[in-house]
Protein backbone atom coordinates (compact mmCIF):
# COMPACT_ATOMS: atom_id res chain seq x y z
CA MET A 1 107.20 85.69 86.76
CA PHE A 2 105.67 84.36 83.51
CA GLY A 3 108.94 85.27 81.79
CA PHE A 4 107.79 88.84 81.10
CA LEU A 5 111.26 90.32 81.43
CA LYS A 6 112.80 87.64 79.18
CA ILE A 7 110.91 88.98 76.19
CA ASN A 8 112.94 90.92 73.63
CA GLN A 9 113.10 94.52 74.85
CA ASP A 10 113.02 95.79 71.23
CA ALA A 11 109.73 94.05 70.44
CA LYS A 12 106.63 96.13 69.88
CA ARG A 13 104.09 96.35 72.71
CA ASN A 14 101.52 94.18 70.86
CA GLU A 15 104.11 91.46 70.27
CA VAL A 16 105.10 91.54 73.94
CA GLN A 17 101.46 91.35 75.04
CA GLU A 18 100.72 88.44 72.71
CA GLU A 19 103.64 86.44 74.04
CA PHE A 20 102.83 87.41 77.61
CA VAL A 21 99.18 86.39 77.21
CA ALA A 22 100.37 83.00 75.93
CA ARG A 23 102.63 82.55 78.96
CA VAL A 24 99.90 83.53 81.41
CA ALA A 25 97.45 81.18 79.67
CA ASP A 26 100.00 78.34 79.90
CA ALA A 27 100.45 78.95 83.63
CA ALA A 28 96.68 79.04 84.09
CA GLN A 29 96.28 75.78 82.21
CA ASP A 30 98.88 74.12 84.45
CA PHE A 31 96.74 75.09 87.44
CA VAL A 32 93.55 73.89 85.71
CA GLN A 33 95.15 70.46 85.23
CA ALA A 34 96.28 70.30 88.86
CA ALA A 35 92.86 71.41 90.13
CA GLY A 36 91.14 68.81 87.95
CA GLN A 37 91.57 66.26 90.73
CA THR A 38 89.10 68.25 92.85
CA GLY A 39 86.42 68.04 90.18
CA ALA A 40 86.49 71.82 89.69
CA VAL A 41 85.03 72.97 86.38
CA LEU A 42 87.41 75.71 85.32
CA ASP A 43 86.26 77.00 81.92
CA TYR A 44 87.49 80.62 82.17
CA SER A 45 83.97 81.98 82.52
CA PRO A 46 83.26 84.60 85.20
CA SER A 47 81.04 82.08 86.99
CA SER A 48 84.01 79.69 87.28
CA VAL A 49 85.54 82.04 89.86
CA HIS A 50 83.47 80.08 92.42
CA ALA A 51 85.10 76.81 91.28
CA LEU A 52 88.50 78.49 91.52
CA ASP A 53 87.68 79.52 95.08
CA GLU A 54 86.67 75.95 95.96
CA ALA A 55 89.94 74.62 94.54
CA LEU A 56 91.87 77.19 96.57
CA GLU A 57 89.96 76.11 99.67
CA ALA A 58 91.16 72.57 98.99
CA ALA A 59 94.71 73.94 98.74
CA HIS A 60 94.16 75.78 102.03
CA LEU A 61 93.02 72.54 103.69
CA GLY A 62 95.94 70.62 102.21
CA THR A 63 93.84 68.28 100.06
CA LEU A 64 95.08 69.91 96.84
CA PRO A 65 98.85 70.21 96.95
CA LEU A 66 100.08 72.98 94.67
CA THR A 67 103.62 73.79 93.65
CA PRO A 68 104.63 77.46 93.83
CA MET A 69 104.22 77.71 90.05
CA GLN A 70 100.75 76.14 90.23
CA THR A 71 99.84 78.76 92.83
CA VAL A 72 100.96 81.43 90.38
CA GLY A 73 98.92 79.52 87.80
CA ALA A 74 95.83 79.95 89.97
CA ALA A 75 96.40 83.71 89.89
CA ALA A 76 96.99 83.46 86.14
CA TYR A 77 93.64 81.70 85.85
CA LEU A 78 91.92 84.57 87.66
CA TYR A 79 93.69 87.07 85.41
CA GLU A 80 92.61 85.16 82.32
CA VAL A 81 88.97 85.08 83.46
CA GLY A 82 89.11 88.86 83.78
CA ARG A 83 91.00 89.43 80.54
CA ARG A 84 88.78 87.15 78.46
CA ALA A 85 85.62 88.81 79.80
CA HIS A 86 86.82 92.43 79.84
CA GLY A 87 89.98 92.75 77.76
CA GLY A 88 92.96 94.56 79.20
CA LEU A 89 96.73 94.39 79.23
CA TYR A 90 99.21 92.74 81.53
CA GLU A 91 101.68 95.13 83.13
CA VAL A 92 104.64 94.79 85.46
CA CYS A 93 103.82 96.17 88.92
CA ASP A 94 105.77 95.50 92.14
CA ASP A 95 106.96 92.76 94.49
CA GLU A 96 103.51 92.04 95.96
CA ASP A 97 101.95 91.57 92.53
CA PRO A 98 104.76 91.38 89.98
CA VAL A 99 102.13 91.36 87.24
CA VAL A 100 98.69 92.98 87.15
CA LEU A 101 95.82 93.12 84.68
CA VAL A 102 94.86 96.65 83.67
CA CYS A 103 91.42 97.16 82.10
CA GLY A 104 89.25 100.13 81.18
CA GLY A 105 89.89 103.30 79.30
CA PRO A 106 92.07 106.32 79.97
CA GLY A 107 91.08 107.84 83.29
CA THR A 108 88.99 104.78 84.21
CA GLU A 109 91.70 102.15 84.40
CA VAL A 110 91.22 99.34 86.88
CA CYS A 111 94.44 97.71 88.04
CA PHE A 112 93.68 94.17 89.24
CA GLY A 113 96.23 92.24 91.30
CA ALA A 114 95.68 88.51 91.77
CA ILE A 115 98.96 86.91 92.79
CA ALA A 116 99.09 88.13 96.40
CA LYS A 117 95.33 87.60 96.78
CA VAL A 118 95.55 83.95 95.70
CA GLU A 119 98.47 83.41 98.07
CA ARG A 120 96.44 84.94 100.92
CA ARG A 121 93.43 82.78 99.98
CA ILE A 122 95.51 79.63 100.30
CA ARG A 123 97.19 80.77 103.51
CA TYR A 124 94.18 82.24 105.38
CA GLY A 125 91.19 80.40 103.97
CA ALA A 126 87.67 81.64 103.33
CA THR A 127 88.23 85.07 104.90
CA GLU A 128 90.12 85.84 101.66
CA ALA A 129 87.43 84.47 99.33
CA ILE A 130 87.96 85.12 95.63
CA PRO A 131 84.38 85.71 94.32
CA PRO A 132 83.77 88.97 96.26
CA TYR A 133 87.26 90.13 95.29
CA PHE A 134 86.58 89.49 91.61
CA GLU A 135 83.23 91.25 91.98
CA GLN A 136 85.08 94.39 93.15
CA PHE A 137 86.99 94.30 89.85
CA VAL A 138 83.83 93.87 87.76
CA THR A 139 81.96 96.56 89.69
CA ALA A 140 84.79 99.07 89.25
CA LEU A 141 84.85 98.38 85.51
CA GLN A 142 81.10 98.74 85.17
CA ALA A 143 81.14 102.00 87.15
CA GLY A 144 84.00 103.40 85.07
CA GLU A 145 85.91 103.91 88.29
CA ALA A 146 89.70 104.25 88.20
CA ARG A 147 90.79 101.89 90.95
CA THR A 148 93.52 99.56 92.12
CA ILE A 149 92.20 96.29 93.53
CA ARG A 150 94.59 94.37 95.75
């Protein structure tokens, strides 16, 4: 996923993060290009989470066909919105969310998983809407609440 484990194991953490951020951004951009046919304005701002949700609704309805990597790119887009607005580091997690975004300080870390959520949004439709999910992430950060959001 995003080639995280292909990165030189001897590299320093900052070097790994920089390369990983570039890979996530590339995956997000691939999704942005695919979603462009829906007219979605995806500019990586927090308000663009609504446009992301509309594009994922189109994928749910079958009017926006996405490859598996473009689906991962949609999750990468959501991660990048969060990272660009709030900072954070990408970390390896588990099979449900192989990669997560971790933001906040020691004792107040928010672990944000997007891959499984985006897949559920496409599969189940509006009951898995992205904007309220992203708002949980923002609210936890603002409250200084250590939390895992999945």
